[in-house]
Amino acid sequence: MFDIGFSELMVIGLVALIVIGPERLPRVARTLGHLAGRLQRYVADIKADINREVELDELRKIQDSVQQAATGIESSVQGELSKTESELNAAAASVTATAASETPQLPEKSA
């Protein structure tokens, strides 16, 4: 993140020792360490939230594509079903018409 070498850290430590003083320097260093830890946890939490949002977005995209595929399959099956139904109805009508034309008509009895 920051490109700080050992020599820069030594200069910062020496300036901190002079400015803050030897009595308060350990307490300030401990406070800075706690703040740095909080900052790292905060950044890690934000990264985790962003990763969860990205994964959730990917899952939504997958769900949409699966939903579209299912709708396509459903319409295809529905079309084939209606086509088969109409073919069966036509065949049944043809069989009924053929059977009606082959059945001999009995003469009616008069009383």
PDB file of N, CA and C in Angstrom:
ATOM      1  N   MET A   1       0.831  -1.176   0.000  1.00  0.00           N
ATOM      2  CA  MET A   1       0.000   0.000   0.000  1.00  0.00           C
ATOM      3  C   MET A   1       0.879   1.243   0.000  1.00  0.00           C
ATOM      4  N   PHE A   2       1.642   1.425   1.076  1.00  0.00           N
ATOM      5  CA  PHE A   2       2.594   2.526   1.127  1.00  0.00           C
ATOM      6  C   PHE A   2       3.977   1.943   0.907  1.00  0.00           C
ATOM      7  N   ASP A   3       4.797   2.675   0.198  1.00  0.00           N
ATOM      8  CA  ASP A   3       6.157   2.213  -0.058  1.00  0.00           C
ATOM      9  C   ASP A   3       7.093   2.937   0.902  1.00  0.00           C
ATOM     10  N   ILE A   4       7.147   2.423   2.126  1.00  0.00           N
ATOM     11  CA  ILE A   4       7.985   3.041   3.153  1.00  0.00           C
ATOM     12  C   ILE A   4       9.081   2.054   3.507  1.00  0.00           C
ATOM     13  N   GLY A   5      10.320   2.510   3.399  1.00  0.00           N
ATOM     14  CA  GLY A   5      11.462   1.664   3.720  1.00  0.00           C
ATOM     15  C   GLY A   5      11.851   1.773   5.183  1.00  0.00           C
ATOM     16  N   PHE A   6      12.863   1.000   5.554  1.00  0.00           N
ATOM     17  CA  PHE A   6      13.317   0.977   6.939  1.00  0.00           C
ATOM     18  C   PHE A   6      13.883   2.333   7.361  1.00  0.00           C
ATOM     19  N   SER A   7      14.602   2.989   6.465  1.00  0.00           N
ATOM     20  CA  SER A   7      15.203   4.282   6.817  1.00  0.00           C
ATOM     21  C   SER A   7      14.115   5.330   7.078  1.00  0.00           C
ATOM     22  N   GLU A   8      13.035   5.310   6.301  1.00  0.00           N
ATOM     23  CA  GLU A   8      11.942   6.262   6.546  1.00  0.00           C
ATOM     24  C   GLU A   8      11.265   5.982   7.883  1.00  0.00           C
ATOM     25  N   LEU A   9      11.124   4.711   8.224  1.00  0.00           N
ATOM     26  CA  LEU A   9      10.540   4.368   9.526  1.00  0.00           C
ATOM     27  C   LEU A   9      11.424   4.838  10.676  1.00  0.00           C
ATOM     28  N   MET A  10      12.709   4.736  10.511  1.00  0.00           N
ATOM     29  CA  MET A  10      13.630   5.207  11.550  1.00  0.00           C
ATOM     30  C   MET A  10      13.514   6.716  11.742  1.00  0.00           C
ATOM     31  N   VAL A  11      13.400   7.454  10.643  1.00  0.00           N
ATOM     32  CA  VAL A  11      13.253   8.911  10.732  1.00  0.00           C
ATOM     33  C   VAL A  11      11.929   9.262  11.414  1.00  0.00           C
ATOM     34  N   ILE A  12      10.842   8.566  11.032  1.00  0.00           N
ATOM     35  CA  ILE A  12       9.539   8.827  11.647  1.00  0.00           C
ATOM     36  C   ILE A  12       9.593   8.508  13.141  1.00  0.00           C
ATOM     37  N   GLY A  13      10.227   7.393  13.519  1.00  0.00           N
ATOM     38  CA  GLY A  13      10.354   7.023  14.932  1.00  0.00           C
ATOM     39  C   GLY A  13      11.163   8.035  15.715  1.00  0.00           C
ATOM     40  N   LEU A  14      12.246   8.523  15.136  1.00  0.00           N
ATOM     41  CA  LEU A  14      13.082   9.513  15.817  1.00  0.00           C
ATOM     42  C   LEU A  14      12.337  10.825  16.009  1.00  0.00           C
ATOM     43  N   VAL A  15      11.608  11.280  14.974  1.00  0.00           N
ATOM     44  CA  VAL A  15      10.820  12.511  15.089  1.00  0.00           C
ATOM     45  C   VAL A  15       9.715  12.323  16.126  1.00  0.00           C
ATOM     46  N   ALA A  16       9.067  11.160  16.137  1.00  0.00           N
ATOM     47  CA  ALA A  16       8.016  10.890  17.119  1.00  0.00           C
ATOM     48  C   ALA A  16       8.590  10.898  18.528  1.00  0.00           C
ATOM     49  N   LEU A  17       9.786  10.325  18.723  1.00  0.00           N
ATOM     50  CA  LEU A  17      10.416  10.317  20.033  1.00  0.00           C
ATOM     51  C   LEU A  17      10.723  11.729  20.513  1.00  0.00           C
ATOM     52  N   ILE A  18      11.159  12.564  19.605  1.00  0.00           N
ATOM     53  CA  ILE A  18      11.487  13.945  19.975  1.00  0.00           C
ATOM     54  C   ILE A  18      10.213  14.744  20.237  1.00  0.00           C
ATOM     55  N   VAL A  19       9.235  14.634  19.387  1.00  0.00           N
ATOM     56  CA  VAL A  19       8.021  15.446  19.501  1.00  0.00           C
ATOM     57  C   VAL A  19       7.144  14.967  20.658  1.00  0.00           C
ATOM     58  N   ILE A  20       6.913  13.687  20.756  1.00  0.00           N
ATOM     59  CA  ILE A  20       5.978  13.148  21.756  1.00  0.00           C
ATOM     60  C   ILE A  20       6.668  12.970  23.108  1.00  0.00           C
ATOM     61  N   GLY A  21       7.886  12.553  23.098  1.00  0.00           N
ATOM     62  CA  GLY A  21       8.606  12.334  24.349  1.00  0.00           C
ATOM     63  C   GLY A  21       8.638  10.864  24.705  1.00  0.00           C
ATOM     64  N   PRO A  22       9.627  10.451  25.470  1.00  0.00           N
ATOM     65  CA  PRO A  22       9.789   9.035  25.788  1.00  0.00           C
ATOM     66  C   PRO A  22       8.708   8.498  26.746  1.00  0.00           C
ATOM     67  N   GLU A  23       8.062   9.361  27.515  1.00  0.00           N
ATOM     68  CA  GLU A  23       7.054   8.882  28.458  1.00  0.00           C
ATOM     69  C   GLU A  23       5.761   8.483  27.747  1.00  0.00           C
ATOM     70  N   ARG A  24       5.361   9.272  26.776  1.00  0.00           N
ATOM     71  CA  ARG A  24       4.077   9.037  26.107  1.00  0.00           C
ATOM     72  C   ARG A  24       4.205   8.228  24.815  1.00  0.00           C
ATOM     73  N   LEU A  25       5.402   8.012  24.324  1.00  0.00           N
ATOM     74  CA  LEU A  25       5.591   7.309  23.053  1.00  0.00           C
ATOM     75  C   LEU A  25       5.022   5.881  23.062  1.00  0.00           C
ATOM     76  N   PRO A  26       5.207   5.063  24.095  1.00  0.00           N
ATOM     77  CA  PRO A  26       4.623   3.711  24.068  1.00  0.00           C
ATOM     78  C   PRO A  26       3.090   3.729  24.009  1.00  0.00           C
ATOM     79  N   ARG A  27       2.478   4.637  24.749  1.00  0.00           N
ATOM     80  CA  ARG A  27       1.018   4.733  24.735  1.00  0.00           C
ATOM     81  C   ARG A  27       0.519   5.181  23.356  1.00  0.00           C
ATOM     82  N   VAL A  28       1.202   6.146  22.747  1.00  0.00           N
ATOM     83  CA  VAL A  28       0.821   6.616  21.411  1.00  0.00           C
ATOM     84  C   VAL A  28       1.025   5.509  20.384  1.00  0.00           C
ATOM     85  N   ALA A  29       2.120   4.763  20.501  1.00  0.00           N
ATOM     86  CA  ALA A  29       2.387   3.669  19.562  1.00  0.00           C
ATOM     87  C   ALA A  29       1.310   2.583  19.700  1.00  0.00           C
ATOM     88  N   ARG A  30       0.918   2.270  20.953  1.00  0.00           N
ATOM     89  CA  ARG A  30      -0.127   1.274  21.174  1.00  0.00           C
ATOM     90  C   ARG A  30      -1.452   1.750  20.584  1.00  0.00           C
ATOM     91  N   THR A  31      -1.777   3.033  20.766  1.00  0.00           N
ATOM     92  CA  THR A  31      -3.005   3.594  20.210  1.00  0.00           C
ATOM     93  C   THR A  31      -2.985   3.548  18.684  1.00  0.00           C
ATOM     94  N   LEU A  32      -1.854   3.902  18.105  1.00  0.00           N
ATOM     95  CA  LEU A  32      -1.731   3.836  16.647  1.00  0.00           C
ATOM     96  C   LEU A  32      -1.852   2.388  16.151  1.00  0.00           C
ATOM     97  N   GLY A  33      -1.309   1.445  16.902  1.00  0.00           N
ATOM     98  CA  GLY A  33      -1.435   0.033  16.526  1.00  0.00           C
ATOM     99  C   GLY A  33      -2.894  -0.423  16.549  1.00  0.00           C
ATOM    100  N   HIS A  34      -3.631  -0.002  17.602  1.00  0.00           N
ATOM    101  CA  HIS A  34      -5.053  -0.349  17.669  1.00  0.00           C
ATOM    102  C   HIS A  34      -5.831   0.274  16.512  1.00  0.00           C
ATOM    103  N   LEU A  35      -5.519   1.531  16.206  1.00  0.00           N
ATOM    104  CA  LEU A  35      -6.201   2.201  15.092  1.00  0.00           C
ATOM    105  C   LEU A  35      -5.883   1.529  13.760  1.00  0.00           C
ATOM    106  N   ALA A  36      -4.621   1.106  13.596  1.00  0.00           N
ATOM    107  CA  ALA A  36      -4.239   0.421  12.360  1.00  0.00           C
ATOM    108  C   ALA A  36      -4.970  -0.925  12.253  1.00  0.00           C
ATOM    109  N   GLY A  37      -5.109  -1.625  13.375  1.00  0.00           N
ATOM    110  CA  GLY A  37      -5.849  -2.888  13.367  1.00  0.00           C
ATOM    111  C   GLY A  37      -7.309  -2.683  13.019  1.00  0.00           C
ATOM    112  N   ARG A  38      -7.915  -1.656  13.589  1.00  0.00           N
ATOM    113  CA  ARG A  38      -9.318  -1.346  13.261  1.00  0.00           C
ATOM    114  C   ARG A  38      -9.460  -1.015  11.779  1.00  0.00           C
ATOM    115  N   LEU A  39      -8.506  -0.245  11.262  1.00  0.00           N
ATOM    116  CA  LEU A  39      -8.547   0.120   9.856  1.00  0.00           C
ATOM    117  C   LEU A  39      -8.438  -1.125   8.975  1.00  0.00           C
ATOM    118  N   GLN A  40      -7.553  -2.046   9.326  1.00  0.00           N
ATOM    119  CA  GLN A  40      -7.411  -3.276   8.551  1.00  0.00           C
ATOM    120  C   GLN A  40      -8.685  -4.115   8.600  1.00  0.00           C
ATOM    121  N   ARG A  41      -9.303  -4.227   9.777  1.00  0.00           N
ATOM    122  CA  ARG A  41     -10.554  -4.985   9.881  1.00  0.00           C
ATOM    123  C   ARG A  41     -11.653  -4.317   9.074  1.00  0.00           C
ATOM    124  N   TYR A  42     -11.704  -2.989   9.119  1.00  0.00           N
ATOM    125  CA  TYR A  42     -12.713  -2.250   8.365  1.00  0.00           C
ATOM    126  C   TYR A  42     -12.535  -2.474   6.864  1.00  0.00           C
ATOM    127  N   VAL A  43     -11.305  -2.413   6.391  1.00  0.00           N
ATOM    128  CA  VAL A  43     -11.025  -2.637   4.970  1.00  0.00           C
ATOM    129  C   VAL A  43     -11.358  -4.083   4.590  1.00  0.00           C
ATOM    130  N   ALA A  44     -11.041  -5.032   5.458  1.00  0.00           N
ATOM    131  CA  ALA A  44     -11.358  -6.434   5.172  1.00  0.00           C
ATOM    132  C   ALA A  44     -12.876  -6.638   5.113  1.00  0.00           C
ATOM    133  N   ASP A  45     -13.626  -5.994   6.007  1.00  0.00           N
ATOM    134  CA  ASP A  45     -15.087  -6.091   5.980  1.00  0.00           C
ATOM    135  C   ASP A  45     -15.657  -5.508   4.689  1.00  0.00           C
ATOM    136  N   ILE A  46     -15.112  -4.387   4.263  1.00  0.00           N
ATOM    137  CA  ILE A  46     -15.592  -3.762   3.024  1.00  0.00           C
ATOM    138  C   ILE A  46     -15.285  -4.672   1.830  1.00  0.00           C
ATOM    139  N   LYS A  47     -14.105  -5.259   1.805  1.00  0.00           N
ATOM    140  CA  LYS A  47     -13.760  -6.183   0.725  1.00  0.00           C
ATOM    141  C   LYS A  47     -14.703  -7.380   0.713  1.00  0.00           C
ATOM    142  N   ALA A  48     -15.008  -7.912   1.891  1.00  0.00           N
ATOM    143  CA  ALA A  48     -15.919  -9.054   1.972  1.00  0.00           C
ATOM    144  C   ALA A  48     -17.313  -8.670   1.483  1.00  0.00           C
ATOM    145  N   ASP A  49     -17.781  -7.479   1.850  1.00  0.00           N
ATOM    146  CA  ASP A  49     -19.091  -7.017   1.383  1.00  0.00           C
ATOM    147  C   ASP A  49     -19.124  -6.868  -0.133  1.00  0.00           C
ATOM    148  N   ILE A  50     -18.073  -6.313  -0.687  1.00  0.00           N
ATOM    149  CA  ILE A  50     -17.998  -6.134  -2.139  1.00  0.00           C
ATOM    150  C   ILE A  50     -17.980  -7.493  -2.836  1.00  0.00           C
ATOM    151  N   ASN A  51     -17.210  -8.441  -2.293  1.00  0.00           N
ATOM    152  CA  ASN A  51     -17.168  -9.787  -2.886  1.00  0.00           C
ATOM    153  C   ASN A  51     -18.538 -10.453  -2.820  1.00  0.00           C
ATOM    154  N   ARG A  52     -19.255 -10.282  -1.692  1.00  0.00           N
ATOM    155  CA  ARG A  52     -20.594 -10.856  -1.582  1.00  0.00           C
ATOM    156  C   ARG A  52     -21.535 -10.242  -2.601  1.00  0.00           C
ATOM    157  N   GLU A  53     -21.455  -8.942  -2.810  1.00  0.00           N
ATOM    158  CA  GLU A  53     -22.314  -8.275  -3.786  1.00  0.00           C
ATOM    159  C   GLU A  53     -22.013  -8.760  -5.203  1.00  0.00           C
ATOM    160  N   VAL A  54     -20.729  -8.939  -5.516  1.00  0.00           N
ATOM    161  CA  VAL A  54     -20.342  -9.426  -6.845  1.00  0.00           C
ATOM    162  C   VAL A  54     -20.869 -10.842  -7.046  1.00  0.00           C
ATOM    163  N   GLU A  55     -20.710 -11.695  -6.038  1.00  0.00           N
ATOM    164  CA  GLU A  55     -21.217 -13.063  -6.142  1.00  0.00           C
ATOM    165  C   GLU A  55     -22.734 -13.080  -6.270  1.00  0.00           C
ATOM    166  N   LEU A  56     -23.406 -12.212  -5.530  1.00  0.00           N
ATOM    167  CA  LEU A  56     -24.858 -12.134  -5.604  1.00  0.00           C
ATOM    168  C   LEU A  56     -25.302 -11.679  -6.991  1.00  0.00           C
ATOM    169  N   ASP A  57     -24.584 -10.734  -7.562  1.00  0.00           N
ATOM    170  CA  ASP A  57     -24.901 -10.270  -8.908  1.00  0.00           C
ATOM    171  C   ASP A  57     -24.706 -11.387  -9.934  1.00  0.00           C
ATOM    172  N   GLU A  58     -23.628 -12.154  -9.770  1.00  0.00           N
ATOM    173  CA  GLU A  58     -23.388 -13.283 -10.671  1.00  0.00           C
ATOM    174  C   GLU A  58     -24.489 -14.330 -10.535  1.00  0.00           C
ATOM    175  N   LEU A  59     -24.920 -14.593  -9.293  1.00  0.00           N
ATOM    176  CA  LEU A  59     -26.004 -15.557  -9.083  1.00  0.00           C
ATOM    177  C   LEU A  59     -27.304 -15.074  -9.705  1.00  0.00           C
ATOM    178  N   ARG A  60     -27.559 -13.773  -9.636  1.00  0.00           N
ATOM    179  CA  ARG A  60     -28.765 -13.224 -10.268  1.00  0.00           C
ATOM    180  C   ARG A  60     -28.707 -13.399 -11.783  1.00  0.00           C
ATOM    181  N   LYS A  61     -27.537 -13.182 -12.364  1.00  0.00           N
ATOM    182  CA  LYS A  61     -27.389 -13.366 -13.808  1.00  0.00           C
ATOM    183  C   LYS A  61     -27.614 -14.830 -14.192  1.00  0.00           C
ATOM    184  N   ILE A  62     -27.068 -15.736 -13.402  1.00  0.00           N
ATOM    185  CA  ILE A  62     -27.260 -17.162 -13.667  1.00  0.00           C
ATOM    186  C   ILE A  62     -28.736 -17.516 -13.530  1.00  0.00           C
ATOM    187  N   GLN A  63     -29.397 -16.972 -12.505  1.00  0.00           N
ATOM    188  CA  GLN A  63     -30.820 -17.239 -12.307  1.00  0.00           C
ATOM    189  C   GLN A  63     -31.630 -16.743 -13.499  1.00  0.00           C
ATOM    190  N   ASP A  64     -31.307 -15.560 -13.999  1.00  0.00           N
ATOM    191  CA  ASP A  64     -32.026 -15.023 -15.159  1.00  0.00           C
ATOM    192  C   ASP A  64     -31.821 -15.912 -16.387  1.00  0.00           C
ATOM    193  N   SER A  65     -30.597 -16.375 -16.619  1.00  0.00           N
ATOM    194  CA  SER A  65     -30.346 -17.220 -17.792  1.00  0.00           C
ATOM    195  C   SER A  65     -31.060 -18.564 -17.656  1.00  0.00           C
ATOM    196  N   VAL A  66     -31.089 -19.121 -16.458  1.00  0.00           N
ATOM    197  CA  VAL A  66     -31.804 -20.384 -16.248  1.00  0.00           C
ATOM    198  C   VAL A  66     -33.302 -20.169 -16.436  1.00  0.00           C
ATOM    199  N   GLN A  67     -33.811 -19.035 -15.946  1.00  0.00           N
ATOM    200  CA  GLN A  67     -35.241 -18.728 -16.102  1.00  0.00           C
ATOM    201  C   GLN A  67     -35.591 -18.589 -17.583  1.00  0.00           C
ATOM    202  N   GLN A  68     -34.739 -17.928 -18.358  1.00  0.00           N
ATOM    203  CA  GLN A  68     -34.995 -17.778 -19.787  1.00  0.00           C
ATOM    204  C   GLN A  68     -34.951 -19.133 -20.493  1.00  0.00           C
ATOM    205  N   ALA A  69     -34.008 -19.980 -20.113  1.00  0.00           N
ATOM    206  CA  ALA A  69     -33.922 -21.316 -20.716  1.00  0.00           C
ATOM    207  C   ALA A  69     -35.163 -22.136 -20.377  1.00  0.00           C
ATOM    208  N   ALA A  70     -35.613 -22.041 -19.134  1.00  0.00           N
ATOM    209  CA  ALA A  70     -36.811 -22.782 -18.727  1.00  0.00           C
ATOM    210  C   ALA A  70     -38.036 -22.281 -19.478  1.00  0.00           C
ATOM    211  N   THR A  71     -38.141 -20.982 -19.671  1.00  0.00           N
ATOM    212  CA  THR A  71     -39.263 -20.423 -20.421  1.00  0.00           C
ATOM    213  C   THR A  71     -39.217 -20.889 -21.868  1.00  0.00           C
ATOM    214  N   GLY A  72     -38.045 -20.926 -22.453  1.00  0.00           N
ATOM    215  CA  GLY A  72     -37.895 -21.419 -23.824  1.00  0.00           C
ATOM    216  C   GLY A  72     -38.284 -22.884 -23.948  1.00  0.00           C
ATOM    217  N   ILE A  73     -37.855 -23.682 -23.010  1.00  0.00           N
ATOM    218  CA  ILE A  73     -38.209 -25.106 -23.029  1.00  0.00           C
ATOM    219  C   ILE A  73     -39.706 -25.278 -22.846  1.00  0.00           C
ATOM    220  N   GLU A  74     -40.278 -24.507 -21.935  1.00  0.00           N
ATOM    221  CA  GLU A  74     -41.721 -24.604 -21.684  1.00  0.00           C
ATOM    222  C   GLU A  74     -42.523 -24.237 -22.939  1.00  0.00           C
ATOM    223  N   SER A  75     -42.132 -23.167 -23.611  1.00  0.00           N
ATOM    224  CA  SER A  75     -42.861 -22.778 -24.819  1.00  0.00           C
ATOM    225  C   SER A  75     -42.675 -23.812 -25.926  1.00  0.00           C
ATOM    226  N   SER A  76     -41.491 -24.403 -26.030  1.00  0.00           N
ATOM    227  CA  SER A  76     -41.250 -25.442 -27.026  1.00  0.00           C
ATOM    228  C   SER A  76     -42.116 -26.673 -26.758  1.00  0.00           C
ATOM    229  N   VAL A  77     -42.163 -27.088 -25.513  1.00  0.00           N
ATOM    230  CA  VAL A  77     -42.976 -28.247 -25.148  1.00  0.00           C
ATOM    231  C   VAL A  77     -44.449 -27.944 -25.371  1.00  0.00           C
ATOM    232  N   GLN A  78     -44.869 -26.728 -25.004  1.00  0.00           N
ATOM    233  CA  GLN A  78     -46.272 -26.336 -25.189  1.00  0.00           C
ATOM    234  C   GLN A  78     -46.639 -26.342 -26.672  1.00  0.00           C
ATOM    235  N   GLY A  79     -45.739 -25.852 -27.520  1.00  0.00           N
ATOM    236  CA  GLY A  79     -45.983 -25.857 -28.965  1.00  0.00           C
ATOM    237  C   GLY A  79     -46.093 -27.270 -29.520  1.00  0.00           C
ATOM    238  N   GLU A  80     -45.179 -28.134 -29.110  1.00  0.00           N
ATOM    239  CA  GLU A  80     -45.226 -29.525 -29.559  1.00  0.00           C
ATOM    240  C   GLU A  80     -46.489 -30.219 -29.055  1.00  0.00           C
ATOM    241  N   LEU A  81     -46.886 -29.904 -27.831  1.00  0.00           N
ATOM    242  CA  LEU A  81     -48.092 -30.515 -27.271  1.00  0.00           C
ATOM    243  C   LEU A  81     -49.336 -30.088 -28.049  1.00  0.00           C
ATOM    244  N   SER A  82     -49.437 -28.813 -28.359  1.00  0.00           N
ATOM    245  CA  SER A  82     -50.603 -28.341 -29.116  1.00  0.00           C
ATOM    246  C   SER A  82     -50.586 -28.903 -30.537  1.00  0.00           C
ATOM    247  N   LYS A  83     -49.414 -29.029 -31.140  1.00  0.00           N
ATOM    248  CA  LYS A  83     -49.298 -29.616 -32.479  1.00  0.00           C
ATOM    249  C   LYS A  83     -49.748 -31.083 -32.459  1.00  0.00           C
ATOM    250  N   THR A  84     -49.289 -31.825 -31.477  1.00  0.00           N
ATOM    251  CA  THR A  84     -49.673 -33.232 -31.347  1.00  0.00           C
ATOM    252  C   THR A  84     -51.165 -33.358 -31.078  1.00  0.00           C
ATOM    253  N   GLU A  85     -51.705 -32.464 -30.246  1.00  0.00           N
ATOM    254  CA  GLU A  85     -53.135 -32.495 -29.949  1.00  0.00           C
ATOM    255  C   GLU A  85     -53.963 -32.250 -31.210  1.00  0.00           C
ATOM    256  N   SER A  86     -53.547 -31.273 -32.015  1.00  0.00           N
ATOM    257  CA  SER A  86     -54.297 -31.000 -33.245  1.00  0.00           C
ATOM    258  C   SER A  86     -54.190 -32.166 -34.225  1.00  0.00           C
ATOM    259  N   GLU A  87     -53.016 -32.805 -34.300  1.00  0.00           N
ATOM    260  CA  GLU A  87     -52.865 -33.979 -35.169  1.00  0.00           C
ATOM    261  C   GLU A  87     -53.748 -35.130 -34.692  1.00  0.00           C
ATOM    262  N   LEU A  88     -53.825 -35.327 -33.379  1.00  0.00           N
ATOM    263  CA  LEU A  88     -54.675 -36.387 -32.837  1.00  0.00           C
ATOM    264  C   LEU A  88     -56.149 -36.088 -33.075  1.00  0.00           C
ATOM    265  N   ASN A  89     -56.542 -34.843 -32.932  1.00  0.00           N
ATOM    266  CA  ASN A  89     -57.933 -34.466 -33.194  1.00  0.00           C
ATOM    267  C   ASN A  89     -58.279 -34.685 -34.665  1.00  0.00           C
ATOM    268  N   ALA A  90     -57.349 -34.338 -35.558  1.00  0.00           N
ATOM    269  CA  ALA A  90     -57.588 -34.540 -36.989  1.00  0.00           C
ATOM    270  C   ALA A  90     -57.692 -36.036 -37.308  1.00  0.00           C
ATOM    271  N   ALA A  91     -56.841 -36.835 -36.698  1.00  0.00           N
ATOM    272  CA  ALA A  91     -56.884 -38.278 -36.924  1.00  0.00           C
ATOM    273  C   ALA A  91     -58.177 -38.868 -36.378  1.00  0.00           C
ATOM    274  N   ALA A  92     -58.601 -38.417 -35.216  1.00  0.00           N
ATOM    275  CA  ALA A  92     -59.845 -38.916 -34.626  1.00  0.00           C
ATOM    276  C   ALA A  92     -61.034 -38.516 -35.491  1.00  0.00           C
ATOM    277  N   ALA A  93     -61.040 -37.313 -36.024  1.00  0.00           N
ATOM    278  CA  ALA A  93     -62.128 -36.874 -36.902  1.00  0.00           C
ATOM    279  C   ALA A  93     -62.136 -37.692 -38.185  1.00  0.00           C
ATOM    280  N   SER A  94     -60.956 -37.989 -38.696  1.00  0.00           N
ATOM    281  CA  SER A  94     -60.852 -38.800 -39.913  1.00  0.00           C
ATOM    282  C   SER A  94     -61.373 -40.209 -39.671  1.00  0.00           C
ATOM    283  N   VAL A  95     -61.011 -40.800 -38.534  1.00  0.00           N
ATOM    284  CA  VAL A  95     -61.473 -42.149 -38.206  1.00  0.00           C
ATOM    285  C   VAL A  95     -62.981 -42.143 -38.014  1.00  0.00           C
ATOM    286  N   THR A  96     -63.508 -41.126 -37.354  1.00  0.00           N
ATOM    287  CA  THR A  96     -64.949 -41.025 -37.134  1.00  0.00           C
ATOM    288  C   THR A  96     -65.682 -40.860 -38.458  1.00  0.00           C
ATOM    289  N   ALA A  97     -65.157 -40.054 -39.345  1.00  0.00           N
ATOM    290  CA  ALA A  97     -65.783 -39.848 -40.654  1.00  0.00           C
ATOM    291  C   ALA A  97     -65.734 -41.128 -41.486  1.00  0.00           C
ATOM    292  N   THR A  98     -64.612 -41.832 -41.440  1.00  0.00           N
ATOM    293  CA  THR A  98     -64.487 -43.080 -42.182  1.00  0.00           C
ATOM    294  C   THR A  98     -65.440 -44.134 -41.627  1.00  0.00           C
ATOM    295  N   ALA A  99     -65.553 -44.218 -40.331  1.00  0.00           N
ATOM    296  CA  ALA A  99     -66.443 -45.197 -39.707  1.00  0.00           C
ATOM    297  C   ALA A  99     -67.899 -44.869 -40.011  1.00  0.00           C
ATOM    298  N   ALA A 100     -68.254 -43.612 -40.064  1.00  0.00           N
ATOM    299  CA  ALA A 100     -69.633 -43.216 -40.350  1.00  0.00           C
ATOM    300  C   ALA A 100     -69.995 -43.513 -41.797  1.00  0.00           C
ATOM    301  N   SER A 101     -69.054 -43.370 -42.707  1.00  0.00           N
ATOM    302  CA  SER A 101     -69.356 -43.619 -44.109  1.00  0.00           C
ATOM    303  C   SER A 101     -69.409 -45.110 -44.410  1.00  0.00           C
ATOM    304  N   GLU A 102     -68.731 -45.945 -43.647  1.00  0.00           N
ATOM    305  CA  GLU A 102     -68.729 -47.382 -43.874  1.00  0.00           C
ATOM    306  C   GLU A 102     -69.897 -48.083 -43.188  1.00  0.00           C
ATOM    307  N   THR A 103     -70.517 -47.491 -42.232  1.00  0.00           N
ATOM    308  CA  THR A 103     -71.635 -48.112 -41.522  1.00  0.00           C
ATOM    309  C   THR A 103     -72.860 -48.057 -42.410  1.00  0.00           C
ATOM    310  N   PRO A 104     -73.482 -49.224 -42.666  1.00  0.00           N
ATOM    311  CA  PRO A 104     -74.663 -49.216 -43.508  1.00  0.00           C
ATOM    312  C   PRO A 104     -75.847 -48.612 -42.765  1.00  0.00           C
ATOM    313  N   GLN A 105     -76.632 -47.927 -43.497  1.00  0.00           N
ATOM    314  CA  GLN A 105     -77.828 -47.302 -42.950  1.00  0.00           C
ATOM    315  C   GLN A 105     -78.952 -48.319 -42.974  1.00  0.00           C
ATOM    316  N   LEU A 106     -79.593 -48.553 -41.890  1.00  0.00           N
ATOM    317  CA  LEU A 106     -80.739 -49.479 -41.817  1.00  0.00           C
ATOM    318  C   LEU A 106     -81.981 -48.730 -42.234  1.00  0.00           C
ATOM    319  N   PRO A 107     -82.829 -49.396 -43.010  1.00  0.00           N
ATOM    320  CA  PRO A 107     -84.058 -48.709 -43.399  1.00  0.00           C
ATOM    321  C   PRO A 107     -84.976 -48.566 -42.184  1.00  0.00           C
ATOM    322  N   GLU A 108     -85.692 -47.498 -42.206  1.00  0.00           N
ATOM    323  CA  GLU A 108     -86.600 -47.230 -41.096  1.00  0.00           C
ATOM    324  C   GLU A 108     -87.860 -48.083 -41.249  1.00  0.00           C
ATOM    325  N   LYS A 109     -88.394 -48.543 -40.177  1.00  0.00           N
ATOM    326  CA  LYS A 109     -89.616 -49.348 -40.200  1.00  0.00           C
ATOM    327  C   LYS A 109     -90.792 -48.417 -40.114  1.00  0.00           C
ATOM    328  N   SER A 110     -91.785 -48.695 -40.932  1.00  0.00           N
ATOM    329  CA  SER A 110     -93.000 -47.884 -40.849  1.00  0.00           C
ATOM    330  C   SER A 110     -94.039 -48.661 -40.070  1.00  0.00           C
ATOM    331  N   ALA A 111     -94.835 -47.994 -39.375  1.00  0.00           N
ATOM    332  CA  ALA A 111     -95.816 -48.655 -38.545  1.00  0.00           C
ATOM    333  C   ALA A 111     -97.163 -48.679 -39.114  1.00  0.00           C
TER     334      ALA A 111
END
